[in-house]
């Protein structure tokens, strides 16, 4: 219940989240090489992550998720972005998502209206499950990004020989 409402609110606010993350990526010293990536490319990729988060959380090991993040890793390799900066980009995504939920009251807004101070434990459990799912999703995304990056590095190295 709570998780579904939170995911819906995140997807609705995907454009705002995307703008914030892109701005951070191109100004953060730990992701300085992202300045060479076309802003439209960054915006499209990041928007897709936020806009389809609910679908991807349901099956983080799906072929679509795997393909999307492996492709992202290959593209970033081709653009000369170090793997460490790609990993940090995902960390930035996670931080912005968590901050956005807190700052915009999405957690509060997603809870059902209950009289008094009592919130059913099931709602808190749902929120905790969502947090765990999001964390696991981004961990899997980092792995798939690295796989795509390494595959592309091997392909390029093979051509050079």
Foldseek 3Di string as FASTA:
>chain_A
DLLVLLLVVQLVCLQVLLVVLLVCQCPPPLNVLCVQPDSVVSSVLSSCCRNCVVVCLVPLPDPVNLVSLLVVLLVVLVSVGDLSNVLVSLVSSVVSSVCCCVVVVSSVVSADDDPDDDGDVVSVVSVVVSVVSVVVSSVSSSVSSVVSNVVNVVVVVVVVD
